[in-house]
Amino acid sequence: MKGKILLVVGLGIGYVLGTRAGRERYEEIKKAASALWNDPRLQRQVDHAEAFVKDKAPDVVEFISDGAKKVVAQVSGSAGRATATKPAARKPAANTSKTPTAK
């Protein structure tokens, strides 16, 4: 249902913006859109949607915050493991060349 409404709204906007029918047709469309927007049934649905968003917003913020904390912990944890598993610094190899060293 939501997809159909968005499609109709998108088509209406596209028509209004792309039309060459003139100012009269534009005013007719604008009047019809205004009447639709001010319809009490539509406004009731808008109010329900606003209430739903206001109700769910804290949950969404918490969910995103928890997700961000997990990502930070994973990144920090993987960086810590990378330094912990680094090989120890190498000692210089003993001189194994065949040339005699000066004494």
PDB file of N, CA and C in Angstrom:
ATOM      1  N   MET A   1       0.827  -1.191   0.000  1.00  0.00           N
ATOM      2  CA  MET A   1       0.000   0.000   0.000  1.00  0.00           C
ATOM      3  C   MET A   1       0.869   1.252   0.000  1.00  0.00           C
ATOM      4  N   LYS A   2       1.899   1.237   0.864  1.00  0.00           N
ATOM      5  CA  LYS A   2       2.791   2.394   0.955  1.00  0.00           C
ATOM      6  C   LYS A   2       3.479   2.648  -0.382  1.00  0.00           C
ATOM      7  N   GLY A   3       3.898   1.567  -1.035  1.00  0.00           N
ATOM      8  CA  GLY A   3       4.567   1.698  -2.327  1.00  0.00           C
ATOM      9  C   GLY A   3       3.659   2.299  -3.387  1.00  0.00           C
ATOM     10  N   LYS A   4       2.399   1.910  -3.355  1.00  0.00           N
ATOM     11  CA  LYS A   4       1.450   2.448  -4.333  1.00  0.00           C
ATOM     12  C   LYS A   4       1.221   3.937  -4.112  1.00  0.00           C
ATOM     13  N   ILE A   5       1.114   4.321  -2.840  1.00  0.00           N
ATOM     14  CA  ILE A   5       0.907   5.738  -2.531  1.00  0.00           C
ATOM     15  C   ILE A   5       2.108   6.544  -2.993  1.00  0.00           C
ATOM     16  N   LEU A   6       3.305   6.049  -2.698  1.00  0.00           N
ATOM     17  CA  LEU A   6       4.512   6.754  -3.112  1.00  0.00           C
ATOM     18  C   LEU A   6       4.604   6.851  -4.632  1.00  0.00           C
ATOM     19  N   LEU A   7       4.190   5.810  -5.321  1.00  0.00           N
ATOM     20  CA  LEU A   7       4.199   5.834  -6.779  1.00  0.00           C
ATOM     21  C   LEU A   7       3.266   6.910  -7.314  1.00  0.00           C
ATOM     22  N   VAL A   8       2.054   6.964  -6.767  1.00  0.00           N
ATOM     23  CA  VAL A   8       1.086   7.952  -7.221  1.00  0.00           C
ATOM     24  C   VAL A   8       1.584   9.365  -6.928  1.00  0.00           C
ATOM     25  N   VAL A   9       2.134   9.565  -5.733  1.00  0.00           N
ATOM     26  CA  VAL A   9       2.665  10.888  -5.381  1.00  0.00           C
ATOM     27  C   VAL A   9       3.813  11.250  -6.314  1.00  0.00           C
ATOM     28  N   GLY A  10       4.704  10.307  -6.562  1.00  0.00           N
ATOM     29  CA  GLY A  10       5.823  10.563  -7.462  1.00  0.00           C
ATOM     30  C   GLY A  10       5.373  10.891  -8.870  1.00  0.00           C
ATOM     31  N   LEU A  11       4.394  10.162  -9.365  1.00  0.00           N
ATOM     32  CA  LEU A  11       3.858  10.453 -10.692  1.00  0.00           C
ATOM     33  C   LEU A  11       3.217  11.838 -10.739  1.00  0.00           C
ATOM     34  N   GLY A  12       2.488  12.168  -9.683  1.00  0.00           N
ATOM     35  CA  GLY A  12       1.850  13.487  -9.627  1.00  0.00           C
ATOM     36  C   GLY A  12       2.877  14.607  -9.619  1.00  0.00           C
ATOM     37  N   ILE A  13       3.913  14.457  -8.822  1.00  0.00           N
ATOM     38  CA  ILE A  13       4.969  15.470  -8.769  1.00  0.00           C
ATOM     39  C   ILE A  13       5.675  15.566 -10.111  1.00  0.00           C
ATOM     40  N   GLY A  14       5.971  14.434 -10.699  1.00  0.00           N
ATOM     41  CA  GLY A  14       6.624  14.433 -12.001  1.00  0.00           C
ATOM     42  C   GLY A  14       5.775  15.097 -13.069  1.00  0.00           C
ATOM     43  N   TYR A  15       4.499  14.841 -13.007  1.00  0.00           N
ATOM     44  CA  TYR A  15       3.611  15.460 -13.996  1.00  0.00           C
ATOM     45  C   TYR A  15       3.570  16.968 -13.807  1.00  0.00           C
ATOM     46  N   VAL A  16       3.437  17.386 -12.534  1.00  0.00           N
ATOM     47  CA  VAL A  16       3.360  18.822 -12.257  1.00  0.00           C
ATOM     48  C   VAL A  16       4.628  19.516 -12.713  1.00  0.00           C
ATOM     49  N   LEU A  17       5.775  18.924 -12.402  1.00  0.00           N
ATOM     50  CA  LEU A  17       7.036  19.556 -12.768  1.00  0.00           C
ATOM     51  C   LEU A  17       7.300  19.489 -14.274  1.00  0.00           C
ATOM     52  N   GLY A  18       6.824  18.439 -14.920  1.00  0.00           N
ATOM     53  CA  GLY A  18       7.134  18.267 -16.333  1.00  0.00           C
ATOM     54  C   GLY A  18       6.047  18.722 -17.278  1.00  0.00           C
ATOM     55  N   THR A  19       4.938  19.143 -16.762  1.00  0.00           N
ATOM     56  CA  THR A  19       3.829  19.481 -17.639  1.00  0.00           C
ATOM     57  C   THR A  19       4.059  20.788 -18.400  1.00  0.00           C
ATOM     58  N   ARG A  20       3.480  20.822 -19.562  1.00  0.00           N
ATOM     59  CA  ARG A  20       3.512  22.051 -20.356  1.00  0.00           C
ATOM     60  C   ARG A  20       2.076  22.525 -20.593  1.00  0.00           C
ATOM     61  N   ALA A  21       1.178  22.035 -19.718  1.00  0.00           N
ATOM     62  CA  ALA A  21      -0.234  22.358 -19.896  1.00  0.00           C
ATOM     63  C   ALA A  21      -0.564  23.783 -19.481  1.00  0.00           C
ATOM     64  N   GLY A  22       0.353  24.443 -18.825  1.00  0.00           N
ATOM     65  CA  GLY A  22       0.122  25.832 -18.467  1.00  0.00           C
ATOM     66  C   GLY A  22      -0.261  26.019 -17.019  1.00  0.00           C
ATOM     67  N   ARG A  23      -0.409  27.270 -16.684  1.00  0.00           N
ATOM     68  CA  ARG A  23      -0.663  27.668 -15.302  1.00  0.00           C
ATOM     69  C   ARG A  23      -2.013  27.173 -14.806  1.00  0.00           C
ATOM     70  N   GLU A  24      -3.025  27.131 -15.668  1.00  0.00           N
ATOM     71  CA  GLU A  24      -4.355  26.699 -15.235  1.00  0.00           C
ATOM     72  C   GLU A  24      -4.335  25.253 -14.752  1.00  0.00           C
ATOM     73  N   ARG A  25      -3.695  24.386 -15.533  1.00  0.00           N
ATOM     74  CA  ARG A  25      -3.622  22.976 -15.142  1.00  0.00           C
ATOM     75  C   ARG A  25      -2.818  22.819 -13.861  1.00  0.00           C
ATOM     76  N   TYR A  26      -1.750  23.585 -13.741  1.00  0.00           N
ATOM     77  CA  TYR A  26      -0.935  23.557 -12.531  1.00  0.00           C
ATOM     78  C   TYR A  26      -1.771  23.944 -11.316  1.00  0.00           C
ATOM     79  N   GLU A  27      -2.573  24.975 -11.440  1.00  0.00           N
ATOM     80  CA  GLU A  27      -3.414  25.424 -10.325  1.00  0.00           C
ATOM     81  C   GLU A  27      -4.455  24.361  -9.962  1.00  0.00           C
ATOM     82  N   GLU A  28      -5.003  23.681 -10.976  1.00  0.00           N
ATOM     83  CA  GLU A  28      -5.963  22.597 -10.714  1.00  0.00           C
ATOM     84  C   GLU A  28      -5.300  21.483  -9.909  1.00  0.00           C
ATOM     85  N   ILE A  29      -4.116  21.099 -10.339  1.00  0.00           N
ATOM     86  CA  ILE A  29      -3.401  20.024  -9.650  1.00  0.00           C
ATOM     87  C   ILE A  29      -3.035  20.459  -8.229  1.00  0.00           C
ATOM     88  N   LYS A  30      -2.598  21.693  -8.089  1.00  0.00           N
ATOM     89  CA  LYS A  30      -2.225  22.212  -6.775  1.00  0.00           C
ATOM     90  C   LYS A  30      -3.439  22.214  -5.842  1.00  0.00           C
ATOM     91  N   LYS A  31      -4.593  22.602  -6.372  1.00  0.00           N
ATOM     92  CA  LYS A  31      -5.828  22.632  -5.581  1.00  0.00           C
ATOM     93  C   LYS A  31      -6.222  21.215  -5.151  1.00  0.00           C
ATOM     94  N   ALA A  32      -6.117  20.268  -6.073  1.00  0.00           N
ATOM     95  CA  ALA A  32      -6.458  18.882  -5.748  1.00  0.00           C
ATOM     96  C   ALA A  32      -5.491  18.312  -4.703  1.00  0.00           C
ATOM     97  N   ALA A  33      -4.216  18.616  -4.841  1.00  0.00           N
ATOM     98  CA  ALA A  33      -3.237  18.134  -3.872  1.00  0.00           C
ATOM     99  C   ALA A  33      -3.484  18.738  -2.501  1.00  0.00           C
ATOM    100  N   SER A  34      -3.820  20.006  -2.476  1.00  0.00           N
ATOM    101  CA  SER A  34      -4.119  20.675  -1.213  1.00  0.00           C
ATOM    102  C   SER A  34      -5.355  20.059  -0.555  1.00  0.00           C
ATOM    103  N   ALA A  35      -6.375  19.786  -1.358  1.00  0.00           N
ATOM    104  CA  ALA A  35      -7.588  19.168  -0.826  1.00  0.00           C
ATOM    105  C   ALA A  35      -7.285  17.778  -0.280  1.00  0.00           C
ATOM    106  N   LEU A  36      -6.446  17.039  -0.981  1.00  0.00           N
ATOM    107  CA  LEU A  36      -6.078  15.703  -0.511  1.00  0.00           C
ATOM    108  C   LEU A  36      -5.301  15.793   0.796  1.00  0.00           C
ATOM    109  N   TRP A  37      -4.337  16.701   0.860  1.00  0.00           N
ATOM    110  CA  TRP A  37      -3.506  16.829   2.063  1.00  0.00           C
ATOM    111  C   TRP A  37      -4.348  17.264   3.264  1.00  0.00           C
ATOM    112  N   ASN A  38      -5.330  18.113   3.040  1.00  0.00           N
ATOM    113  CA  ASN A  38      -6.158  18.609   4.140  1.00  0.00           C
ATOM    114  C   ASN A  38      -7.328  17.689   4.479  1.00  0.00           C
ATOM    115  N   ASP A  39      -7.460  16.580   3.785  1.00  0.00           N
ATOM    116  CA  ASP A  39      -8.515  15.610   4.074  1.00  0.00           C
ATOM    117  C   ASP A  39      -8.316  15.067   5.487  1.00  0.00           C
ATOM    118  N   PRO A  40      -9.365  15.061   6.301  1.00  0.00           N
ATOM    119  CA  PRO A  40      -9.233  14.594   7.688  1.00  0.00           C
ATOM    120  C   PRO A  40      -8.756  13.136   7.790  1.00  0.00           C
ATOM    121  N   ARG A  41      -9.149  12.296   6.840  1.00  0.00           N
ATOM    122  CA  ARG A  41      -8.700  10.893   6.884  1.00  0.00           C
ATOM    123  C   ARG A  41      -7.202  10.803   6.684  1.00  0.00           C
ATOM    124  N   LEU A  42      -6.669  11.593   5.752  1.00  0.00           N
ATOM    125  CA  LEU A  42      -5.229  11.584   5.520  1.00  0.00           C
ATOM    126  C   LEU A  42      -4.497  12.178   6.717  1.00  0.00           C
ATOM    127  N   GLN A  43      -5.007  13.252   7.268  1.00  0.00           N
ATOM    128  CA  GLN A  43      -4.356  13.873   8.420  1.00  0.00           C
ATOM    129  C   GLN A  43      -4.353  12.943   9.627  1.00  0.00           C
ATOM    130  N   ARG A  44      -5.402  12.139   9.773  1.00  0.00           N
ATOM    131  CA  ARG A  44      -5.447  11.147  10.854  1.00  0.00           C
ATOM    132  C   ARG A  44      -4.317  10.139  10.674  1.00  0.00           C
ATOM    133  N   GLN A  45      -4.094   9.706   9.430  1.00  0.00           N
ATOM    134  CA  GLN A  45      -3.011   8.763   9.159  1.00  0.00           C
ATOM    135  C   GLN A  45      -1.640   9.419   9.374  1.00  0.00           C
ATOM    136  N   VAL A  46      -1.522  10.681   9.014  1.00  0.00           N
ATOM    137  CA  VAL A  46      -0.266  11.411   9.252  1.00  0.00           C
ATOM    138  C   VAL A  46      -0.007  11.485  10.751  1.00  0.00           C
ATOM    139  N   ASP A  47      -1.032  11.764  11.521  1.00  0.00           N
ATOM    140  CA  ASP A  47      -0.882  11.834  12.977  1.00  0.00           C
ATOM    141  C   ASP A  47      -0.463  10.485  13.551  1.00  0.00           C
ATOM    142  N   HIS A  48      -1.049   9.394  13.024  1.00  0.00           N
ATOM    143  CA  HIS A  48      -0.663   8.051  13.476  1.00  0.00           C
ATOM    144  C   HIS A  48       0.806   7.780  13.144  1.00  0.00           C
ATOM    145  N   ALA A  49       1.218   8.164  11.962  1.00  0.00           N
ATOM    146  CA  ALA A  49       2.605   7.954  11.553  1.00  0.00           C
ATOM    147  C   ALA A  49       3.556   8.762  12.430  1.00  0.00           C
ATOM    148  N   GLU A  50       3.208  10.013  12.728  1.00  0.00           N
ATOM    149  CA  GLU A  50       4.048  10.839  13.593  1.00  0.00           C
ATOM    150  C   GLU A  50       4.159  10.237  14.986  1.00  0.00           C
ATOM    151  N   ALA A  51       3.035   9.772  15.520  1.00  0.00           N
ATOM    152  CA  ALA A  51       3.048   9.156  16.851  1.00  0.00           C
ATOM    153  C   ALA A  51       3.909   7.893  16.850  1.00  0.00           C
ATOM    154  N   PHE A  52       3.796   7.106  15.794  1.00  0.00           N
ATOM    155  CA  PHE A  52       4.590   5.883  15.691  1.00  0.00           C
ATOM    156  C   PHE A  52       6.079   6.202  15.675  1.00  0.00           C
ATOM    157  N   VAL A  53       6.452   7.198  14.880  1.00  0.00           N
ATOM    158  CA  VAL A  53       7.865   7.580  14.784  1.00  0.00           C
ATOM    159  C   VAL A  53       8.366   8.108  16.126  1.00  0.00           C
ATOM    160  N   LYS A  54       7.572   8.940  16.772  1.00  0.00           N
ATOM    161  CA  LYS A  54       7.976   9.476  18.077  1.00  0.00           C
ATOM    162  C   LYS A  54       8.112   8.347  19.102  1.00  0.00           C
ATOM    163  N   ASP A  55       7.259   7.347  19.013  1.00  0.00           N
ATOM    164  CA  ASP A  55       7.311   6.222  19.940  1.00  0.00           C
ATOM    165  C   ASP A  55       8.537   5.342  19.697  1.00  0.00           C
ATOM    166  N   LYS A  56       8.872   5.136  18.444  1.00  0.00           N
ATOM    167  CA  LYS A  56       9.962   4.227  18.091  1.00  0.00           C
ATOM    168  C   LYS A  56      11.332   4.896  18.023  1.00  0.00           C
ATOM    169  N   ALA A  57      11.388   6.204  17.973  1.00  0.00           N
ATOM    170  CA  ALA A  57      12.666   6.914  17.826  1.00  0.00           C
ATOM    171  C   ALA A  57      13.675   6.544  18.914  1.00  0.00           C
ATOM    172  N   PRO A  58      13.300   6.503  20.200  1.00  0.00           N
ATOM    173  CA  PRO A  58      14.295   6.117  21.220  1.00  0.00           C
ATOM    174  C   PRO A  58      14.832   4.697  21.005  1.00  0.00           C
ATOM    175  N   ASP A  59      13.975   3.788  20.574  1.00  0.00           N
ATOM    176  CA  ASP A  59      14.423   2.418  20.314  1.00  0.00           C
ATOM    177  C   ASP A  59      15.424   2.390  19.161  1.00  0.00           C
ATOM    178  N   VAL A  60      15.157   3.168  18.130  1.00  0.00           N
ATOM    179  CA  VAL A  60      16.055   3.216  16.977  1.00  0.00           C
ATOM    180  C   VAL A  60      17.400   3.810  17.393  1.00  0.00           C
ATOM    181  N   VAL A  61      17.360   4.875  18.186  1.00  0.00           N
ATOM    182  CA  VAL A  61      18.600   5.499  18.654  1.00  0.00           C
ATOM    183  C   VAL A  61      19.402   4.503  19.473  1.00  0.00           C
ATOM    184  N   GLU A  62      18.735   3.776  20.355  1.00  0.00           N
ATOM    185  CA  GLU A  62      19.424   2.776  21.188  1.00  0.00           C
ATOM    186  C   GLU A  62      20.021   1.666  20.327  1.00  0.00           C
ATOM    187  N   PHE A  63      19.264   1.207  19.347  1.00  0.00           N
ATOM    188  CA  PHE A  63      19.743   0.143  18.468  1.00  0.00           C
ATOM    189  C   PHE A  63      20.981   0.583  17.700  1.00  0.00           C
ATOM    190  N   ILE A  64      20.934   1.789  17.150  1.00  0.00           N
ATOM    191  CA  ILE A  64      22.075   2.301  16.391  1.00  0.00           C
ATOM    192  C   ILE A  64      23.271   2.523  17.301  1.00  0.00           C
ATOM    193  N   SER A  65      23.014   3.034  18.496  1.00  0.00           N
ATOM    194  CA  SER A  65      24.093   3.269  19.459  1.00  0.00           C
ATOM    195  C   SER A  65      24.762   1.951  19.846  1.00  0.00           C
ATOM    196  N   ASP A  66      23.956   0.931  20.123  1.00  0.00           N
ATOM    197  CA  ASP A  66      24.521  -0.382  20.467  1.00  0.00           C
ATOM    198  C   ASP A  66      25.334  -0.941  19.311  1.00  0.00           C
ATOM    199  N   GLY A  67      24.820  -0.793  18.103  1.00  0.00           N
ATOM    200  CA  GLY A  67      25.553  -1.269  16.926  1.00  0.00           C
ATOM    201  C   GLY A  67      26.874  -0.548  16.758  1.00  0.00           C
ATOM    202  N   ALA A  68      26.866   0.764  16.975  1.00  0.00           N
ATOM    203  CA  ALA A  68      28.102   1.539  16.848  1.00  0.00           C
ATOM    204  C   ALA A  68      29.109   1.117  17.912  1.00  0.00           C
ATOM    205  N   LYS A  69      28.620   0.865  19.126  1.00  0.00           N
ATOM    206  CA  LYS A  69      29.518   0.425  20.199  1.00  0.00           C
ATOM    207  C   LYS A  69      30.142  -0.926  19.858  1.00  0.00           C
ATOM    208  N   LYS A  70      29.363  -1.826  19.278  1.00  0.00           N
ATOM    209  CA  LYS A  70      29.895  -3.133  18.890  1.00  0.00           C
ATOM    210  C   LYS A  70      30.970  -2.990  17.821  1.00  0.00           C
ATOM    211  N   VAL A  71      30.716  -2.114  16.864  1.00  0.00           N
ATOM    212  CA  VAL A  71      31.699  -1.897  15.796  1.00  0.00           C
ATOM    213  C   VAL A  71      32.986  -1.330  16.378  1.00  0.00           C
ATOM    214  N   VAL A  72      32.863  -0.354  17.264  1.00  0.00           N
ATOM    215  CA  VAL A  72      34.050   0.239  17.893  1.00  0.00           C
ATOM    216  C   VAL A  72      34.800  -0.821  18.689  1.00  0.00           C
ATOM    217  N   ALA A  73      34.070  -1.651  19.419  1.00  0.00           N
ATOM    218  CA  ALA A  73      34.713  -2.703  20.205  1.00  0.00           C
ATOM    219  C   ALA A  73      35.431  -3.695  19.295  1.00  0.00           C
ATOM    220  N   GLN A  74      34.813  -4.047  18.180  1.00  0.00           N
ATOM    221  CA  GLN A  74      35.449  -4.984  17.252  1.00  0.00           C
ATOM    222  C   GLN A  74      36.692  -4.375  16.633  1.00  0.00           C
ATOM    223  N   VAL A  75      36.611  -3.125  16.244  1.00  0.00           N
ATOM    224  CA  VAL A  75      37.764  -2.469  15.632  1.00  0.00           C
ATOM    225  C   VAL A  75      38.872  -2.312  16.658  1.00  0.00           C
ATOM    226  N   SER A  76      38.517  -1.884  17.845  1.00  0.00           N
ATOM    227  CA  SER A  76      39.521  -1.724  18.906  1.00  0.00           C
ATOM    228  C   SER A  76      40.102  -3.072  19.292  1.00  0.00           C
ATOM    229  N   GLY A  77      39.262  -4.076  19.383  1.00  0.00           N
ATOM    230  CA  GLY A  77      39.721  -5.411  19.741  1.00  0.00           C
ATOM    231  C   GLY A  77      40.637  -5.993  18.692  1.00  0.00           C
ATOM    232  N   SER A  78      40.313  -5.811  17.427  1.00  0.00           N
ATOM    233  CA  SER A  78      41.157  -6.357  16.362  1.00  0.00           C
ATOM    234  C   SER A  78      42.474  -5.617  16.295  1.00  0.00           C
ATOM    235  N   ALA A  79      42.473  -4.313  16.602  1.00  0.00           N
ATOM    236  CA  ALA A  79      43.731  -3.558  16.613  1.00  0.00           C
ATOM    237  C   ALA A  79      44.589  -4.027  17.765  1.00  0.00           C
ATOM    238  N   GLY A  80      43.966  -4.309  18.913  1.00  0.00           N
ATOM    239  CA  GLY A  80      44.710  -4.799  20.069  1.00  0.00           C
ATOM    240  C   GLY A  80      45.293  -6.172  19.805  1.00  0.00           C
ATOM    241  N   ARG A  81      44.534  -7.035  19.136  1.00  0.00           N
ATOM    242  CA  ARG A  81      45.039  -8.373  18.822  1.00  0.00           C
ATOM    243  C   ARG A  81      46.171  -8.293  17.813  1.00  0.00           C
ATOM    244  N   ALA A  82      46.079  -7.352  16.895  1.00  0.00           N
ATOM    245  CA  ALA A  82      47.118  -7.241  15.878  1.00  0.00           C
ATOM    246  C   ALA A  82      48.448  -6.873  16.522  1.00  0.00           C
ATOM    247  N   THR A  83      48.431  -5.998  17.518  1.00  0.00           N
ATOM    248  CA  THR A  83      49.684  -5.629  18.167  1.00  0.00           C
ATOM    249  C   THR A  83      50.146  -6.736  19.096  1.00  0.00           C
ATOM    250  N   ALA A  84      49.216  -7.496  19.662  1.00  0.00           N
ATOM    251  CA  ALA A  84      49.603  -8.571  20.571  1.00  0.00           C
ATOM    252  C   ALA A  84      50.229  -9.731  19.812  1.00  0.00           C
ATOM    253  N   THR A  85      49.854  -9.943  18.574  1.00  0.00           N
ATOM    254  CA  THR A  85      50.373 -11.076  17.818  1.00  0.00           C
ATOM    255  C   THR A  85      51.555 -10.683  16.945  1.00  0.00           C
ATOM    256  N   LYS A  86      52.031  -9.462  17.102  1.00  0.00           N
ATOM    257  CA  LYS A  86      53.169  -9.028  16.309  1.00  0.00           C
ATOM    258  C   LYS A  86      54.390  -9.838  16.714  1.00  0.00           C
ATOM    259  N   PRO A  87      55.186 -10.278  15.771  1.00  0.00           N
ATOM    260  CA  PRO A  87      56.377 -11.033  16.148  1.00  0.00           C
ATOM    261  C   PRO A  87      57.358 -10.126  16.878  1.00  0.00           C
ATOM    262  N   ALA A  88      58.112 -10.745  17.774  1.00  0.00           N
ATOM    263  CA  ALA A  88      59.095  -9.985  18.535  1.00  0.00           C
ATOM    264  C   ALA A  88      60.155  -9.460  17.578  1.00  0.00           C
ATOM    265  N   ALA A  89      60.803  -8.396  18.003  1.00  0.00           N
ATOM    266  CA  ALA A  89      61.850  -7.810  17.159  1.00  0.00           C
ATOM    267  C   ALA A  89      62.962  -8.831  16.967  1.00  0.00           C
ATOM    268  N   ARG A  90      63.469  -8.899  15.765  1.00  0.00           N
ATOM    269  CA  ARG A  90      64.510  -9.878  15.451  1.00  0.00           C
ATOM    270  C   ARG A  90      65.855  -9.424  16.000  1.00  0.00           C
ATOM    271  N   LYS A  91      66.623 -10.408  16.467  1.00  0.00           N
ATOM    272  CA  LYS A  91      67.986 -10.126  16.884  1.00  0.00           C
ATOM    273  C   LYS A  91      68.850 -10.181  15.639  1.00  0.00           C
ATOM    274  N   PRO A  92      69.902  -9.382  15.597  1.00  0.00           N
ATOM    275  CA  PRO A  92      70.768  -9.455  14.418  1.00  0.00           C
ATOM    276  C   PRO A  92      71.365 -10.856  14.305  1.00  0.00           C
ATOM    277  N   ALA A  93      71.401 -11.336  13.091  1.00  0.00           N
ATOM    278  CA  ALA A  93      71.943 -12.672  12.848  1.00  0.00           C
ATOM    279  C   ALA A  93      73.449 -12.666  13.104  1.00  0.00           C
ATOM    280  N   ALA A  94      73.939 -13.805  13.543  1.00  0.00           N
ATOM    281  CA  ALA A  94      75.384 -13.936  13.771  1.00  0.00           C
ATOM    282  C   ALA A  94      76.099 -13.804  12.436  1.00  0.00           C
ATOM    283  N   ASN A  95      77.328 -13.312  12.471  1.00  0.00           N
ATOM    284  CA  ASN A  95      78.103 -13.125  11.252  1.00  0.00           C
ATOM    285  C   ASN A  95      78.466 -14.484  10.705  1.00  0.00           C
ATOM    286  N   THR A  96      77.887 -14.819   9.586  1.00  0.00           N
ATOM    287  CA  THR A  96      78.123 -16.119   8.986  1.00  0.00           C
ATOM    288  C   THR A  96      78.911 -16.000   7.697  1.00  0.00           C
ATOM    289  N   SER A  97      79.493 -14.837   7.477  1.00  0.00           N
ATOM    290  CA  SER A  97      80.242 -14.684   6.240  1.00  0.00           C
ATOM    291  C   SER A  97      81.549 -15.456   6.332  1.00  0.00           C
ATOM    292  N   LYS A  98      82.089 -15.850   5.230  1.00  0.00           N
ATOM    293  CA  LYS A  98      83.304 -16.658   5.172  1.00  0.00           C
ATOM    294  C   LYS A  98      84.570 -15.808   5.285  1.00  0.00           C
ATOM    295  N   THR A  99      84.413 -14.511   5.242  1.00  0.00           N
ATOM    296  CA  THR A  99      85.612 -13.667   5.353  1.00  0.00           C
ATOM    297  C   THR A  99      86.014 -13.552   6.801  1.00  0.00           C
ATOM    298  N   PRO A 100      87.292 -13.624   7.060  1.00  0.00           N
ATOM    299  CA  PRO A 100      87.747 -13.551   8.441  1.00  0.00           C
ATOM    300  C   PRO A 100      87.577 -12.135   8.981  1.00  0.00           C
ATOM    301  N   THR A 101      87.292 -12.062  10.215  1.00  0.00           N
ATOM    302  CA  THR A 101      87.118 -10.753  10.847  1.00  0.00           C
ATOM    303  C   THR A 101      88.438 -10.316  11.438  1.00  0.00           C
ATOM    304  N   ALA A 102      88.650  -9.056  11.502  1.00  0.00           N
ATOM    305  CA  ALA A 102      89.914  -8.541  12.052  1.00  0.00           C
ATOM    306  C   ALA A 102      89.871  -8.654  13.555  1.00  0.00           C
ATOM    307  N   LYS A 103      91.047  -9.076  14.107  1.00  0.00           N
ATOM    308  CA  LYS A 103      91.108  -9.211  15.553  1.00  0.00           C
ATOM    309  C   LYS A 103      92.039  -8.243  16.157  1.00  0.00           C
TER     310      LYS A 103
END
